[in-house]
Amino acid sequence: DFGCATMDATPGIKHATFSGTPFYISPEVFQKEYTTKTDVFSVGVVLYVLIAGYPAAELQAAFNLLHKSKRDLRTLPGMPSDMPETYFDMMDKLLTYRYKARKSAGEMLEEDDFVLFHMEQEDDDVKKKPLQQRKSRRESMKRTPSMVLSGTGEKAALAHGFIKFQRALTTIMATMLNHGDIKALLARIEEHLDGVDDDNKKLGVLQVEELMKILESMGKKDCLAAINKQKNVNTYKSYNYEYANLKAFDSKAATDARNAATNGGGGEAMAKNPKMGSSARKLAMLGGSMRRMDMKKSSRAQSVYIRGI
């Protein structure tokens, strides 16, 4: 998300642009009024994922809990039961619902016991600090035992596997469905979630199994067959797919269609074979190669992809 980051000239500036990855962003971003403290909340979510793994199978439950003002963070999906109290103290501060009451990054570095424990382990300059300050710091760190977490490798591998599966899912649909199909699919997903799953709609996610049912109702048998050939598909059916990924292809296809209509040449070639043009556009976007091209370069790139296909 550093691509949408900004640097404030003075502290306390309020922002209103909605951006970021939904699971990681703070409650105030959804309200479109936030400060730099939104990043403190996001750090808290990252530290949860590093410990518990990305909760793809229970994304909504985790999101709901993170966005409550009163909650027990020990009940977050996948959270180890033997984490030190100081870890949960730190998480409560980072994930404070109301940003005005949330600690700043500077305050966390100066005051939090769990943070200080790790700074002590890594800080080469700690020996240069006054002896009394070091003793006081060590006293406060006794609440944080050093420990080894088990199962983090397996959780990371499972999460990474789902990321690859999700990309494959997006590629299959973006390649095998034309612009009209993607538009219809998105409309059906939104209709399915309307009034039933407001949190999932906010997150932009839908259970993989539900997505496959919608594709089946649309008669997209080839698309379903390709999805069913993916590794661990049965494991991931209960996971949440980020259908917001498809919106980028929908808007990109619409933009390219308008460009083709006014650009001649390459547009005429695509008009003769719209399915091929659609696939080429989508594959080009996946590679990111067309993001900053001007119109002439974009047209040439699409022609290369058409020949390659």
Protein backbone atom coordinates (compact mmCIF):
# COMPACT_ATOMS: atom_id res chain seq x y z
CA ASP A 1 0.00 0.00 0.00
CA PHE A 2 3.00 2.35 -0.11
CA GLY A 3 1.86 3.30 -3.61
CA CYS A 4 -0.95 5.38 -2.09
CA ALA A 5 1.06 6.73 0.87
CA THR A 6 1.60 10.42 1.54
CA MET A 7 3.81 12.52 3.83
CA ASP A 8 2.15 15.11 6.05
CA ALA A 9 3.90 18.47 6.30
CA THR A 10 2.50 19.06 9.80
CA PRO A 11 1.00 16.70 12.44
CA GLY A 12 -2.75 16.23 12.75
CA ILE A 13 -3.70 16.79 9.10
CA LYS A 14 -6.95 15.00 8.23
CA HIS A 15 -7.35 12.97 5.06
CA ALA A 16 -10.49 11.80 3.27
CA THR A 17 -9.28 9.61 0.37
CA PHE A 18 -10.47 6.01 0.68
CA SER A 19 -7.49 3.79 -0.14
CA GLY A 20 -5.65 0.73 1.11
CA THR A 21 -6.37 -2.98 1.52
CA PRO A 22 -9.75 -3.29 3.32
CA PHE A 23 -8.72 -5.89 5.92
CA TYR A 24 -5.79 -3.76 7.09
CA ILE A 25 -7.29 -0.28 7.11
CA SER A 26 -8.64 1.48 10.19
CA PRO A 27 -12.31 2.18 11.05
CA GLU A 28 -11.84 5.91 10.44
CA VAL A 29 -10.73 5.32 6.82
CA PHE A 30 -14.17 3.81 6.15
CA GLN A 31 -15.60 7.03 7.61
CA LYS A 32 -13.30 9.02 5.27
CA GLU A 33 -11.77 11.18 7.99
CA TYR A 34 -8.40 10.03 9.30
CA THR A 35 -4.91 11.11 10.37
CA THR A 36 -1.50 9.42 10.48
CA LYS A 37 -2.82 7.31 13.36
CA THR A 38 -4.54 5.15 10.76
CA ASP A 39 -1.10 3.63 10.12
CA VAL A 40 -0.81 2.67 13.79
CA PHE A 41 -4.00 0.61 13.45
CA SER A 42 -2.66 -1.03 10.27
CA VAL A 43 0.57 -1.96 12.06
CA GLY A 44 -1.59 -3.68 14.69
CA VAL A 45 -3.36 -5.74 12.03
CA VAL A 46 -0.02 -6.69 10.45
CA LEU A 47 1.31 -7.81 13.86
CA TYR A 48 -1.82 -9.95 14.31
CA VAL A 49 -1.31 -11.60 10.90
CA LEU A 50 2.39 -12.23 11.62
CA ILE A 51 1.46 -14.12 14.79
CA ALA A 52 -1.81 -15.84 13.82
CA GLY A 53 -1.53 -16.08 10.03
CA TYR A 54 -3.83 -14.42 7.49
CA PRO A 55 -7.36 -15.57 8.47
CA ALA A 56 -8.61 -16.18 4.92
CA ALA A 57 -11.10 -18.82 6.10
CA GLU A 58 -12.48 -16.55 8.85
CA LEU A 59 -11.87 -13.12 7.36
CA GLN A 60 -15.25 -11.68 8.27
CA ALA A 61 -15.04 -12.87 11.91
CA ALA A 62 -11.56 -11.36 12.29
CA PHE A 63 -12.58 -8.10 10.59
CA ASN A 64 -15.69 -7.74 12.78
CA LEU A 65 -13.65 -8.23 15.95
CA LEU A 66 -10.92 -5.79 14.89
CA HIS A 67 -13.53 -3.11 14.17
CA LYS A 68 -15.34 -3.32 17.50
CA SER A 69 -14.70 -0.77 20.23
CA LYS A 70 -15.04 -3.44 22.93
CA ARG A 71 -13.55 -6.87 22.20
CA ASP A 72 -11.20 -9.54 23.48
CA LEU A 73 -8.29 -9.78 21.04
CA ARG A 74 -7.41 -13.20 22.46
CA THR A 75 -10.43 -14.56 20.58
CA LEU A 76 -9.16 -13.49 17.15
CA PRO A 77 -9.05 -16.45 14.71
CA GLY A 78 -5.77 -18.38 14.91
CA MET A 79 -4.43 -16.42 17.89
CA PRO A 80 -2.06 -18.57 20.02
CA SER A 81 -3.27 -18.99 23.59
CA ASP A 82 0.16 -18.60 25.20
CA MET A 83 1.10 -15.13 24.00
CA PRO A 84 2.39 -12.84 26.80
CA GLU A 85 0.06 -10.28 28.34
CA THR A 86 2.28 -7.46 27.08
CA TYR A 87 1.56 -8.51 23.49
CA PHE A 88 -2.18 -8.07 24.03
CA ASP A 89 -1.58 -4.78 25.88
CA MET A 90 0.32 -3.53 22.84
CA MET A 91 -2.37 -4.76 20.43
CA ASP A 92 -5.10 -3.05 22.45
CA LYS A 93 -3.22 0.24 22.11
CA LEU A 94 -2.49 -0.17 18.40
CA LEU A 95 -6.04 -1.27 17.58
CA THR A 96 -7.89 1.30 19.69
CA TYR A 97 -11.14 1.91 17.82
CA ARG A 98 -11.31 5.71 18.28
CA TYR A 99 -8.24 7.22 16.68
CA LYS A 100 -8.19 10.24 19.00
CA ALA A 101 -7.59 7.88 21.92
CA ARG A 102 -5.07 5.75 19.99
CA LYS A 103 -1.37 6.07 20.78
CA SER A 104 0.94 7.56 18.17
CA ALA A 105 3.85 5.58 16.74
CA GLY A 106 6.27 7.72 18.77
CA GLU A 107 4.40 7.04 22.00
CA MET A 108 4.41 3.30 21.33
CA LEU A 109 8.19 3.33 20.83
CA GLU A 110 8.71 5.19 24.09
CA GLU A 111 6.17 3.59 26.42
CA ASP A 112 5.04 0.10 25.41
CA ASP A 113 6.61 -2.82 27.31
CA PHE A 114 6.38 -5.33 24.44
CA VAL A 115 7.97 -2.87 22.04
CA LEU A 116 10.69 -1.99 24.55
CA PHE A 117 11.45 -5.68 25.10
CA HIS A 118 12.24 -6.14 21.40
CA MET A 119 14.09 -2.86 21.14
CA GLU A 120 16.29 -4.03 24.03
CA GLN A 121 17.15 -7.23 22.14
CA GLU A 122 18.09 -5.37 18.97
CA ASP A 123 19.31 -1.98 20.20
CA ASP A 124 23.11 -1.72 19.92
CA ASP A 125 23.00 1.72 21.51
CA VAL A 126 21.29 0.54 24.69
CA LYS A 127 24.61 0.26 26.53
CA LYS A 128 25.20 3.95 25.94
CA LYS A 129 22.07 4.87 27.93
CA PRO A 130 22.31 5.85 31.62
CA LEU A 131 22.48 2.83 33.95
CA GLN A 132 19.37 3.87 35.92
CA GLN A 133 17.33 4.22 32.72
CA ARG A 134 18.47 0.79 31.56
CA LYS A 135 17.51 -0.79 34.92
CA SER A 136 14.08 0.84 34.83
CA ARG A 137 13.58 -0.34 31.28
CA ARG A 138 14.56 -3.91 32.14
CA GLU A 139 12.24 -3.99 35.14
CA SER A 140 9.28 -3.11 32.94
CA MET A 141 10.27 -5.81 30.44
CA LYS A 142 10.11 -8.69 32.93
CA ARG A 143 6.45 -9.12 32.01
CA THR A 144 7.48 -10.28 28.52
CA PRO A 145 8.95 -13.80 28.49
CA SER A 146 10.98 -14.88 25.49
CA MET A 147 9.18 -17.69 23.67
CA VAL A 148 9.11 -19.70 20.46
CA LEU A 149 5.89 -19.76 18.43
CA SER A 150 4.88 -23.06 16.89
CA GLY A 151 2.97 -23.58 13.66
CA THR A 152 3.77 -20.19 12.13
CA GLY A 153 5.49 -21.83 9.15
CA GLU A 154 2.46 -23.99 8.36
CA LYS A 155 0.11 -21.00 8.69
CA ALA A 156 2.31 -18.92 6.40
CA ALA A 157 2.47 -21.72 3.83
CA LEU A 158 -1.31 -22.13 3.85
CA ALA A 159 -1.85 -18.38 3.48
CA HIS A 160 0.71 -18.16 0.67
CA GLY A 161 -0.97 -21.10 -1.07
CA PHE A 162 -4.31 -19.30 -0.95
CA ILE A 163 -2.76 -16.10 -2.34
CA LYS A 164 -1.55 -18.13 -5.34
CA PHE A 165 -4.96 -19.81 -5.64
CA GLN A 166 -6.72 -16.44 -5.53
CA ARG A 167 -4.45 -15.07 -8.28
CA ALA A 168 -5.14 -18.14 -10.38
CA LEU A 169 -8.88 -17.66 -9.83
CA THR A 170 -8.68 -14.02 -10.92
CA THR A 171 -6.60 -14.92 -13.99
CA ILE A 172 -9.03 -17.66 -15.03
CA MET A 173 -12.07 -15.40 -14.80
CA ALA A 174 -10.34 -12.39 -16.36
CA THR A 175 -9.16 -14.52 -19.28
CA MET A 176 -12.20 -16.73 -19.87
CA LEU A 177 -14.96 -14.17 -19.26
CA ASN A 178 -15.58 -11.22 -21.56
CA HIS A 179 -16.37 -7.72 -20.34
CA GLY A 180 -20.11 -8.33 -20.29
CA ASP A 181 -19.67 -11.54 -18.28
CA ILE A 182 -17.46 -9.82 -15.68
CA LYS A 183 -19.98 -7.00 -15.36
CA ALA A 184 -22.84 -9.49 -14.91
CA LEU A 185 -20.80 -11.53 -12.40
CA LEU A 186 -20.02 -8.46 -10.28
CA ALA A 187 -23.69 -7.43 -10.35
CA ARG A 188 -24.76 -10.90 -9.17
CA ILE A 189 -22.18 -10.88 -6.38
CA GLU A 190 -23.37 -7.46 -5.18
CA GLU A 191 -26.97 -8.67 -5.35
CA HIS A 192 -26.06 -11.80 -3.38
CA LEU A 193 -24.41 -9.77 -0.62
CA ASP A 194 -27.02 -6.98 -0.47
CA GLY A 195 -28.65 -6.90 2.94
CA VAL A 196 -27.15 -10.26 3.87
CA ASP A 197 -23.45 -9.62 4.38
CA ASP A 198 -22.69 -5.94 4.81
CA ASP A 199 -19.25 -6.65 6.32
CA ASN A 200 -18.22 -8.91 3.46
CA LYS A 201 -19.42 -6.25 1.03
CA LYS A 202 -17.31 -3.66 2.85
CA LEU A 203 -14.32 -6.01 2.64
CA GLY A 204 -15.03 -6.82 -1.01
CA VAL A 205 -14.97 -10.58 -0.38
CA LEU A 206 -17.14 -13.59 -1.16
CA GLN A 207 -16.69 -17.22 -0.16
CA VAL A 208 -15.08 -19.19 -3.02
CA GLU A 209 -17.87 -21.77 -2.92
CA GLU A 210 -20.52 -19.04 -3.31
CA LEU A 211 -18.58 -17.55 -6.22
CA MET A 212 -18.53 -20.95 -7.94
CA LYS A 213 -22.30 -21.30 -7.46
CA ILE A 214 -22.86 -17.93 -9.14
CA LEU A 215 -20.62 -18.94 -12.06
CA GLU A 216 -22.60 -22.20 -12.34
CA SER A 217 -25.89 -20.26 -12.43
CA MET A 218 -24.42 -18.19 -15.29
CA GLY A 219 -23.62 -21.37 -17.24
CA LYS A 220 -19.84 -20.81 -17.17
CA LYS A 221 -18.91 -24.52 -17.18
CA ASP A 222 -15.49 -24.04 -18.80
CA CYS A 223 -14.55 -21.46 -16.19
CA LEU A 224 -15.67 -23.77 -13.37
CA ALA A 225 -13.77 -26.71 -14.85
CA ALA A 226 -10.58 -24.62 -14.91
CA ILE A 227 -11.12 -23.57 -11.27
CA ASN A 228 -11.74 -27.15 -10.17
CA LYS A 229 -8.39 -28.18 -11.62
CA GLN A 230 -6.53 -25.84 -9.26
CA LYS A 231 -4.46 -27.30 -6.43
CA ASN A 232 -6.26 -27.55 -3.04
CA VAL A 233 -9.50 -26.18 -4.47
CA ASN A 234 -11.59 -28.15 -1.95
CA THR A 235 -9.55 -26.74 0.94
CA TYR A 236 -10.01 -23.18 -0.27
CA LYS A 237 -13.75 -23.35 -1.04
CA SER A 238 -14.52 -22.06 2.46
CA TYR A 239 -12.03 -19.19 2.10
CA ASN A 240 -12.98 -15.64 1.13
CA TYR A 241 -12.11 -14.52 -2.39
CA GLU A 242 -11.46 -10.79 -2.88
CA TYR A 243 -13.88 -10.18 -5.73
CA ALA A 244 -12.86 -6.51 -5.72
CA ASN A 245 -9.91 -7.72 -7.85
CA LEU A 246 -12.33 -8.22 -10.74
CA LYS A 247 -13.50 -4.61 -10.63
CA ALA A 248 -10.13 -3.52 -11.97
CA PHE A 249 -10.64 -5.71 -15.04
CA ASP A 250 -14.16 -4.42 -15.51
CA SER A 251 -13.09 -0.77 -15.49
CA LYS A 252 -9.94 -1.48 -17.55
CA ALA A 253 -11.92 -3.30 -20.22
CA ALA A 254 -14.41 -0.41 -20.42
CA THR A 255 -11.58 2.13 -20.74
CA ASP A 256 -9.83 0.09 -23.44
CA ALA A 257 -13.09 -0.29 -25.35
CA ARG A 258 -13.55 3.50 -25.40
CA ASN A 259 -9.91 3.99 -26.42
CA ALA A 260 -10.22 1.42 -29.18
CA ALA A 261 -13.29 3.20 -30.55
CA THR A 262 -11.38 6.48 -30.89
CA ASN A 263 -7.94 5.12 -31.79
CA GLY A 264 -8.54 3.22 -35.05
CA GLY A 265 -5.81 0.63 -35.98
CA GLY A 266 -5.48 -1.65 -32.99
CA GLY A 267 -9.12 -1.02 -32.05
CA GLU A 268 -10.31 -2.34 -35.44
CA ALA A 269 -8.26 -5.50 -35.00
CA MET A 270 -9.83 -6.09 -31.61
CA ALA A 271 -13.33 -5.41 -32.91
CA LYS A 272 -12.89 -8.31 -35.35
CA ASN A 273 -11.98 -10.65 -32.50
CA PRO A 274 -13.41 -9.17 -29.28
CA LYS A 275 -12.68 -12.24 -27.16
CA MET A 276 -9.03 -12.19 -28.11
CA GLY A 277 -8.80 -8.45 -27.46
CA SER A 278 -10.39 -8.85 -24.04
CA SER A 279 -7.94 -11.58 -23.04
CA ALA A 280 -5.00 -9.57 -24.24
CA ARG A 281 -6.07 -6.51 -22.28
CA LYS A 282 -6.53 -8.52 -19.13
CA LEU A 283 -3.23 -10.36 -19.40
CA ALA A 284 -1.50 -7.06 -20.09
CA MET A 285 -2.99 -5.60 -16.94
CA LEU A 286 -1.89 -8.61 -14.91
CA GLY A 287 1.68 -7.90 -15.93
CA GLY A 288 1.23 -4.22 -15.10
CA SER A 289 3.00 -3.30 -18.32
CA MET A 290 0.21 -1.08 -19.65
CA ARG A 291 -0.41 0.95 -16.51
CA ARG A 292 1.58 4.00 -17.54
CA MET A 293 1.77 3.61 -21.31
CA ASP A 294 0.43 6.29 -23.62
CA MET A 295 -2.21 5.33 -26.17
CA LYS A 296 0.17 4.38 -29.00
CA LYS A 297 2.35 2.20 -26.77
CA SER A 298 -0.78 0.61 -25.29
CA SER A 299 -2.03 -0.32 -28.76
CA ARG A 300 1.33 -1.87 -29.72
CA ALA A 301 1.48 -3.84 -26.46
CA GLN A 302 -1.99 -5.28 -27.06
CA SER A 303 -0.97 -6.38 -30.56
CA VAL A 304 2.06 -8.22 -29.13
CA TYR A 305 -0.15 -10.04 -26.61
CA ILE A 306 -2.64 -10.97 -29.34
CA ARG A 307 0.13 -12.54 -31.43
CA GLY A 308 1.49 -14.34 -28.35
CA ILE A 309 -1.89 -15.82 -27.52
